[in-house]
Amino acid sequence: MLHLIVPAKAEYLSLVRLVVASVAGEVGFTDDNVADIKVALSEASTNVVRHAYPEDCDREKKTVEINCYEEPGQLRIEVMDRGRGIPLPPPATEGLGLGIMGSLMDQVDVETGSTGTSVVLVKRPSTDRHSFHA
């Protein structure tokens, strides 16, 4: 299991993507699967940076927490914050990231409330996602 807590700042998100991508590669995901995971993780963690915390929140309290672990036949990634929560469903102009995550991952679950939000991303390995058959 991987557990990371980083400041909710854009400059830390590339580190998070690289570490989770490394874990996914080590447990046997294809390059295409890893790319999907990185994009979905970027969407989830960017939402934390942009929306989770009010401007006047203490800087030390603004964090993104990532748990990543392998389960039988899948990789599970949890992206969590301790922010103000999000409206569900999100406004049409702000819900595009969830759609992107849903199209790339096998499962996306969102739990939100006044004490924070948790986005769970689940990916099962596939070996032929981009194969072409004539």
N, C-alpha and C. Protein backbone atom coordinates (compact mmCIF):
# COMPACT_ATOMS: atom_id res chain seq x y z
N MET A 1 0.83 -1.18 0.00
CA MET A 1 0.00 0.00 0.00
C MET A 1 0.88 1.24 0.00
N LEU A 2 0.43 2.24 -0.72
CA LEU A 2 1.10 3.53 -0.78
C LEU A 2 0.21 4.54 -0.08
N HIS A 3 0.79 5.36 0.78
CA HIS A 3 0.05 6.43 1.45
C HIS A 3 0.87 7.70 1.34
N LEU A 4 0.29 8.72 0.70
CA LEU A 4 0.95 10.01 0.53
C LEU A 4 0.05 11.11 1.05
N ILE A 5 0.65 12.10 1.67
CA ILE A 5 -0.05 13.33 2.00
C ILE A 5 0.85 14.46 1.51
N VAL A 6 0.31 15.27 0.59
CA VAL A 6 1.08 16.38 0.03
C VAL A 6 0.25 17.66 0.15
N PRO A 7 0.93 18.81 0.14
CA PRO A 7 0.18 20.07 0.13
C PRO A 7 -0.72 20.14 -1.10
N ALA A 8 -1.88 20.75 -0.94
CA ALA A 8 -2.83 20.90 -2.05
C ALA A 8 -2.38 22.06 -2.93
N LYS A 9 -1.26 21.83 -3.62
CA LYS A 9 -0.69 22.80 -4.53
C LYS A 9 -0.37 22.09 -5.83
N ALA A 10 -0.57 22.79 -6.93
CA ALA A 10 -0.38 22.19 -8.26
C ALA A 10 1.02 21.61 -8.45
N GLU A 11 2.03 22.24 -7.87
CA GLU A 11 3.40 21.77 -8.10
C GLU A 11 3.68 20.40 -7.50
N TYR A 12 2.84 19.90 -6.63
CA TYR A 12 3.02 18.57 -6.05
C TYR A 12 2.31 17.46 -6.82
N LEU A 13 1.43 17.83 -7.73
CA LEU A 13 0.61 16.82 -8.40
C LEU A 13 1.40 15.95 -9.37
N SER A 14 2.43 16.49 -10.00
CA SER A 14 3.24 15.66 -10.90
C SER A 14 3.96 14.57 -10.11
N LEU A 15 4.40 14.89 -8.90
CA LEU A 15 5.03 13.89 -8.03
C LEU A 15 4.04 12.77 -7.71
N VAL A 16 2.82 13.15 -7.35
CA VAL A 16 1.79 12.16 -7.04
C VAL A 16 1.54 11.25 -8.25
N ARG A 17 1.41 11.83 -9.43
CA ARG A 17 1.18 11.03 -10.65
C ARG A 17 2.33 10.06 -10.89
N LEU A 18 3.56 10.53 -10.75
CA LEU A 18 4.72 9.67 -11.00
C LEU A 18 4.78 8.50 -10.02
N VAL A 19 4.51 8.77 -8.76
CA VAL A 19 4.58 7.71 -7.76
C VAL A 19 3.49 6.66 -8.00
N VAL A 20 2.26 7.11 -8.24
CA VAL A 20 1.16 6.17 -8.47
C VAL A 20 1.38 5.42 -9.79
N ALA A 21 1.88 6.10 -10.82
CA ALA A 21 2.18 5.43 -12.08
C ALA A 21 3.23 4.35 -11.89
N SER A 22 4.22 4.62 -11.06
CA SER A 22 5.25 3.63 -10.77
C SER A 22 4.65 2.40 -10.10
N VAL A 23 3.76 2.63 -9.14
CA VAL A 23 3.09 1.51 -8.47
C VAL A 23 2.29 0.70 -9.49
N ALA A 24 1.53 1.37 -10.33
CA ALA A 24 0.70 0.67 -11.34
C ALA A 24 1.57 -0.14 -12.29
N GLY A 25 2.69 0.42 -12.72
CA GLY A 25 3.59 -0.31 -13.59
C GLY A 25 4.20 -1.52 -12.91
N GLU A 26 4.55 -1.37 -11.65
CA GLU A 26 5.16 -2.48 -10.90
C GLU A 26 4.21 -3.65 -10.70
N VAL A 27 2.91 -3.38 -10.62
CA VAL A 27 1.97 -4.47 -10.40
C VAL A 27 1.40 -5.01 -11.71
N GLY A 28 1.96 -4.57 -12.86
CA GLY A 28 1.65 -5.21 -14.13
C GLY A 28 0.68 -4.50 -15.05
N PHE A 29 0.35 -3.25 -14.80
CA PHE A 29 -0.54 -2.54 -15.72
C PHE A 29 0.21 -2.14 -16.98
N THR A 30 -0.49 -2.16 -18.10
CA THR A 30 0.10 -1.76 -19.38
C THR A 30 0.34 -0.25 -19.39
N ASP A 31 1.13 0.20 -20.36
CA ASP A 31 1.38 1.63 -20.50
C ASP A 31 0.08 2.39 -20.73
N ASP A 32 -0.84 1.82 -21.52
CA ASP A 32 -2.12 2.47 -21.76
C ASP A 32 -2.93 2.58 -20.47
N ASN A 33 -2.93 1.52 -19.67
CA ASN A 33 -3.63 1.55 -18.38
C ASN A 33 -3.03 2.61 -17.47
N VAL A 34 -1.71 2.67 -17.42
CA VAL A 34 -1.02 3.64 -16.57
C VAL A 34 -1.35 5.06 -17.03
N ALA A 35 -1.40 5.29 -18.33
CA ALA A 35 -1.76 6.61 -18.84
C ALA A 35 -3.17 7.00 -18.40
N ASP A 36 -4.11 6.05 -18.48
CA ASP A 36 -5.48 6.31 -18.03
C ASP A 36 -5.52 6.66 -16.54
N ILE A 37 -4.77 5.91 -15.75
CA ILE A 37 -4.72 6.15 -14.31
C ILE A 37 -4.16 7.54 -14.03
N LYS A 38 -3.10 7.92 -14.73
CA LYS A 38 -2.49 9.23 -14.51
C LYS A 38 -3.46 10.37 -14.83
N VAL A 39 -4.21 10.24 -15.91
CA VAL A 39 -5.17 11.30 -16.28
C VAL A 39 -6.28 11.38 -15.24
N ALA A 40 -6.83 10.24 -14.86
CA ALA A 40 -7.92 10.24 -13.87
C ALA A 40 -7.42 10.79 -12.53
N LEU A 41 -6.24 10.38 -12.11
CA LEU A 41 -5.66 10.88 -10.87
C LEU A 41 -5.42 12.38 -10.95
N SER A 42 -4.97 12.86 -12.10
CA SER A 42 -4.78 14.30 -12.29
C SER A 42 -6.08 15.06 -12.11
N GLU A 43 -7.15 14.54 -12.69
CA GLU A 43 -8.46 15.19 -12.56
C GLU A 43 -8.90 15.24 -11.10
N ALA A 44 -8.79 14.13 -10.41
CA ALA A 44 -9.24 14.07 -9.02
C ALA A 44 -8.41 14.99 -8.12
N SER A 45 -7.10 14.95 -8.27
CA SER A 45 -6.24 15.74 -7.39
C SER A 45 -6.28 17.24 -7.75
N THR A 46 -6.46 17.55 -9.01
CA THR A 46 -6.61 18.96 -9.42
C THR A 46 -7.88 19.55 -8.83
N ASN A 47 -8.94 18.74 -8.76
CA ASN A 47 -10.17 19.21 -8.13
C ASN A 47 -9.93 19.61 -6.68
N VAL A 48 -9.10 18.86 -5.97
CA VAL A 48 -8.78 19.22 -4.60
C VAL A 48 -8.08 20.58 -4.56
N VAL A 49 -7.08 20.75 -5.40
CA VAL A 49 -6.32 22.00 -5.42
C VAL A 49 -7.23 23.19 -5.75
N ARG A 50 -8.11 23.02 -6.71
CA ARG A 50 -8.95 24.14 -7.17
C ARG A 50 -10.16 24.42 -6.30
N HIS A 51 -10.77 23.37 -5.74
CA HIS A 51 -12.10 23.54 -5.16
C HIS A 51 -12.26 23.18 -3.68
N ALA A 52 -11.36 22.40 -3.12
CA ALA A 52 -11.63 21.82 -1.80
C ALA A 52 -11.57 22.82 -0.65
N TYR A 53 -10.64 23.74 -0.73
CA TYR A 53 -10.38 24.58 0.43
C TYR A 53 -10.68 26.05 0.14
N PRO A 54 -11.30 26.75 1.10
CA PRO A 54 -11.52 28.19 0.92
C PRO A 54 -10.18 28.93 0.94
N GLU A 55 -10.15 30.09 0.34
CA GLU A 55 -8.92 30.89 0.27
C GLU A 55 -8.32 31.17 1.64
N ASP A 56 -9.16 31.40 2.64
CA ASP A 56 -8.66 31.79 3.95
C ASP A 56 -8.29 30.60 4.85
N CYS A 57 -8.33 29.40 4.30
CA CYS A 57 -7.96 28.20 5.06
C CYS A 57 -6.47 28.22 5.36
N ASP A 58 -6.11 27.79 6.57
CA ASP A 58 -4.72 27.70 6.98
C ASP A 58 -3.94 26.82 6.01
N ARG A 59 -2.82 27.30 5.54
CA ARG A 59 -2.03 26.61 4.51
C ARG A 59 -1.67 25.18 4.90
N GLU A 60 -1.37 24.94 6.17
CA GLU A 60 -0.99 23.60 6.61
C GLU A 60 -2.15 22.61 6.57
N LYS A 61 -3.37 23.12 6.57
CA LYS A 61 -4.54 22.24 6.52
C LYS A 61 -4.95 21.87 5.10
N LYS A 62 -4.40 22.54 4.11
CA LYS A 62 -4.73 22.27 2.71
C LYS A 62 -3.86 21.12 2.20
N THR A 63 -4.42 19.91 2.21
CA THR A 63 -3.65 18.74 1.79
C THR A 63 -4.46 17.87 0.83
N VAL A 64 -3.73 17.07 0.09
CA VAL A 64 -4.29 16.00 -0.73
C VAL A 64 -3.72 14.71 -0.16
N GLU A 65 -4.59 13.77 0.15
CA GLU A 65 -4.15 12.49 0.70
C GLU A 65 -4.45 11.41 -0.34
N ILE A 66 -3.46 10.59 -0.62
CA ILE A 66 -3.58 9.54 -1.62
C ILE A 66 -3.29 8.20 -0.97
N ASN A 67 -4.20 7.26 -1.15
CA ASN A 67 -3.96 5.86 -0.79
C ASN A 67 -4.06 5.06 -2.08
N CYS A 68 -3.11 4.20 -2.30
CA CYS A 68 -3.09 3.39 -3.52
C CYS A 68 -2.70 1.98 -3.12
N TYR A 69 -3.53 1.03 -3.50
CA TYR A 69 -3.19 -0.33 -3.17
C TYR A 69 -3.79 -1.31 -4.17
N GLU A 70 -3.09 -2.41 -4.28
CA GLU A 70 -3.51 -3.47 -5.18
C GLU A 70 -4.48 -4.37 -4.44
N GLU A 71 -5.59 -4.66 -5.10
CA GLU A 71 -6.55 -5.65 -4.63
C GLU A 71 -6.57 -6.75 -5.68
N PRO A 72 -7.14 -7.90 -5.38
CA PRO A 72 -7.17 -8.96 -6.39
C PRO A 72 -7.81 -8.46 -7.71
N GLY A 73 -7.00 -8.43 -8.75
CA GLY A 73 -7.48 -8.07 -10.08
C GLY A 73 -7.70 -6.59 -10.32
N GLN A 74 -7.26 -5.72 -9.43
CA GLN A 74 -7.48 -4.29 -9.66
C GLN A 74 -6.56 -3.44 -8.79
N LEU A 75 -6.46 -2.17 -9.19
CA LEU A 75 -5.74 -1.17 -8.41
C LEU A 75 -6.77 -0.17 -7.91
N ARG A 76 -6.68 0.18 -6.65
CA ARG A 76 -7.63 1.10 -6.02
C ARG A 76 -6.85 2.33 -5.55
N ILE A 77 -7.32 3.51 -5.95
CA ILE A 77 -6.67 4.76 -5.60
C ILE A 77 -7.72 5.66 -4.94
N GLU A 78 -7.43 6.11 -3.75
CA GLU A 78 -8.32 7.03 -3.04
C GLU A 78 -7.66 8.40 -2.99
N VAL A 79 -8.39 9.42 -3.39
CA VAL A 79 -7.93 10.80 -3.35
C VAL A 79 -8.84 11.53 -2.37
N MET A 80 -8.25 12.04 -1.29
CA MET A 80 -9.07 12.61 -0.22
C MET A 80 -8.59 14.00 0.16
N ASP A 81 -9.55 14.80 0.63
CA ASP A 81 -9.24 16.10 1.20
C ASP A 81 -10.07 16.30 2.46
N ARG A 82 -9.77 17.33 3.18
CA ARG A 82 -10.51 17.69 4.39
C ARG A 82 -11.18 19.05 4.18
N GLY A 83 -11.63 19.28 2.96
CA GLY A 83 -12.19 20.56 2.58
C GLY A 83 -13.68 20.68 2.83
N ARG A 84 -14.30 21.54 2.06
CA ARG A 84 -15.70 21.92 2.30
C ARG A 84 -16.71 21.05 1.58
N GLY A 85 -16.27 20.06 0.83
CA GLY A 85 -17.19 19.20 0.10
C GLY A 85 -17.61 19.82 -1.22
N ILE A 86 -18.26 19.01 -2.04
CA ILE A 86 -18.72 19.47 -3.35
C ILE A 86 -20.20 19.14 -3.50
N PRO A 87 -20.90 19.93 -4.32
CA PRO A 87 -22.30 19.58 -4.57
C PRO A 87 -22.39 18.37 -5.49
N LEU A 88 -23.28 17.45 -5.18
CA LEU A 88 -23.52 16.28 -6.05
C LEU A 88 -24.97 16.28 -6.48
N PRO A 89 -25.24 16.20 -7.76
CA PRO A 89 -24.24 16.23 -8.84
C PRO A 89 -23.65 17.63 -8.96
N PRO A 90 -22.42 17.71 -9.49
CA PRO A 90 -21.79 19.02 -9.63
C PRO A 90 -22.49 19.84 -10.71
N PRO A 91 -22.34 21.16 -10.65
CA PRO A 91 -22.91 21.99 -11.72
C PRO A 91 -22.38 21.54 -13.09
N ALA A 92 -23.18 21.69 -14.12
CA ALA A 92 -22.82 21.21 -15.46
C ALA A 92 -21.48 21.76 -15.92
N THR A 93 -21.16 22.98 -15.55
CA THR A 93 -19.90 23.58 -15.99
C THR A 93 -18.69 23.07 -15.21
N GLU A 94 -18.91 22.36 -14.11
CA GLU A 94 -17.80 21.90 -13.28
C GLU A 94 -17.71 20.38 -13.17
N GLY A 95 -18.60 19.64 -13.82
CA GLY A 95 -18.63 18.20 -13.66
C GLY A 95 -17.88 17.42 -14.72
N LEU A 96 -17.14 18.10 -15.57
CA LEU A 96 -16.46 17.41 -16.67
C LEU A 96 -15.39 16.44 -16.19
N GLY A 97 -14.68 16.80 -15.12
CA GLY A 97 -13.62 15.93 -14.61
C GLY A 97 -14.13 14.58 -14.17
N LEU A 98 -15.30 14.55 -13.54
CA LEU A 98 -15.88 13.26 -13.13
C LEU A 98 -16.20 12.40 -14.34
N GLY A 99 -16.68 13.02 -15.41
CA GLY A 99 -16.95 12.28 -16.64
C GLY A 99 -15.70 11.69 -17.25
N ILE A 100 -14.63 12.47 -17.23
CA ILE A 100 -13.34 11.98 -17.75
C ILE A 100 -12.86 10.81 -16.92
N MET A 101 -12.92 10.96 -15.59
CA MET A 101 -12.49 9.87 -14.71
C MET A 101 -13.31 8.62 -14.98
N GLY A 102 -14.62 8.79 -15.13
CA GLY A 102 -15.49 7.65 -15.38
C GLY A 102 -15.21 6.95 -16.69
N SER A 103 -14.78 7.70 -17.70
CA SER A 103 -14.50 7.08 -18.99
C SER A 103 -13.17 6.33 -19.00
N LEU A 104 -12.27 6.67 -18.10
CA LEU A 104 -10.94 6.05 -18.08
C LEU A 104 -10.79 4.93 -17.06
N MET A 105 -11.61 4.98 -16.02
CA MET A 105 -11.50 4.01 -14.93
C MET A 105 -12.66 3.03 -14.99
N ASP A 106 -12.52 1.91 -14.33
CA ASP A 106 -13.60 0.91 -14.29
C ASP A 106 -14.66 1.26 -13.26
N GLN A 107 -14.27 2.06 -12.27
CA GLN A 107 -15.22 2.47 -11.23
C GLN A 107 -14.73 3.78 -10.63
N VAL A 108 -15.67 4.69 -10.39
CA VAL A 108 -15.38 5.95 -9.70
C VAL A 108 -16.48 6.16 -8.67
N ASP A 109 -16.10 6.30 -7.41
CA ASP A 109 -17.05 6.56 -6.34
C ASP A 109 -16.66 7.86 -5.66
N VAL A 110 -17.66 8.69 -5.38
CA VAL A 110 -17.43 9.97 -4.72
C VAL A 110 -18.27 10.03 -3.46
N GLU A 111 -17.62 10.35 -2.35
CA GLU A 111 -18.31 10.63 -1.09
C GLU A 111 -17.88 12.02 -0.67
N THR A 112 -18.86 12.86 -0.32
CA THR A 112 -18.52 14.23 0.04
C THR A 112 -19.42 14.73 1.15
N GLY A 113 -18.90 15.67 1.88
CA GLY A 113 -19.64 16.29 2.97
C GLY A 113 -18.86 17.48 3.50
N SER A 114 -19.33 18.04 4.56
CA SER A 114 -18.71 19.26 5.10
C SER A 114 -17.31 19.02 5.66
N THR A 115 -16.93 17.77 5.86
CA THR A 115 -15.59 17.48 6.40
C THR A 115 -14.63 16.95 5.34
N GLY A 116 -15.04 17.00 4.07
CA GLY A 116 -14.12 16.60 3.02
C GLY A 116 -14.76 15.73 1.96
N THR A 117 -13.93 15.38 1.00
CA THR A 117 -14.37 14.58 -0.14
C THR A 117 -13.39 13.44 -0.36
N SER A 118 -13.93 12.29 -0.75
CA SER A 118 -13.13 11.13 -1.11
C SER A 118 -13.55 10.67 -2.49
N VAL A 119 -12.59 10.56 -3.39
CA VAL A 119 -12.84 10.02 -4.72
C VAL A 119 -12.06 8.72 -4.82
N VAL A 120 -12.76 7.63 -5.09
CA VAL A 120 -12.12 6.33 -5.22
C VAL A 120 -12.11 5.96 -6.70
N LEU A 121 -10.92 5.69 -7.21
CA LEU A 121 -10.71 5.30 -8.60
C LEU A 121 -10.27 3.84 -8.62
N VAL A 122 -10.96 3.02 -9.40
CA VAL A 122 -10.61 1.60 -9.50
C VAL A 122 -10.33 1.28 -10.96
N LYS A 123 -9.20 0.61 -11.18
CA LYS A 123 -8.81 0.20 -12.54
C LYS A 123 -8.44 -1.27 -12.52
N ARG A 124 -9.00 -2.00 -13.47
CA ARG A 124 -8.62 -3.39 -13.68
C ARG A 124 -7.69 -3.44 -14.90
N PRO A 125 -6.67 -4.25 -14.86
CA PRO A 125 -5.75 -4.28 -16.01
C PRO A 125 -6.41 -4.85 -17.25
N SER A 126 -6.08 -4.25 -18.37
CA SER A 126 -6.52 -4.80 -19.65
C SER A 126 -5.31 -4.83 -20.56
N THR A 127 -5.26 -5.82 -21.39
CA THR A 127 -4.09 -5.95 -22.26
C THR A 127 -4.40 -5.59 -23.70
N ASP A 128 -5.67 -5.43 -24.04
CA ASP A 128 -5.99 -5.21 -25.45
C ASP A 128 -6.85 -3.96 -25.68
N ARG A 129 -6.79 -3.00 -24.81
CA ARG A 129 -7.67 -1.84 -24.91
C ARG A 129 -7.55 -1.13 -26.24
N HIS A 130 -6.33 -0.97 -26.74
CA HIS A 130 -6.13 -0.22 -27.97
C HIS A 130 -5.72 -1.12 -29.14
N SER A 131 -6.07 -2.39 -29.05
CA SER A 131 -5.68 -3.27 -30.14
C SER A 131 -6.61 -3.08 -31.33
N PHE A 132 -6.11 -3.40 -32.49
CA PHE A 132 -6.86 -3.27 -33.72
C PHE A 132 -6.93 -4.64 -34.40
N HIS A 133 -8.13 -5.03 -34.75
CA HIS A 133 -8.31 -6.31 -35.42
C HIS A 133 -8.89 -6.07 -36.80
N ALA A 134 -8.21 -6.58 -37.81
CA ALA A 134 -8.69 -6.39 -39.20
C ALA A 134 -9.52 -7.55 -39.63
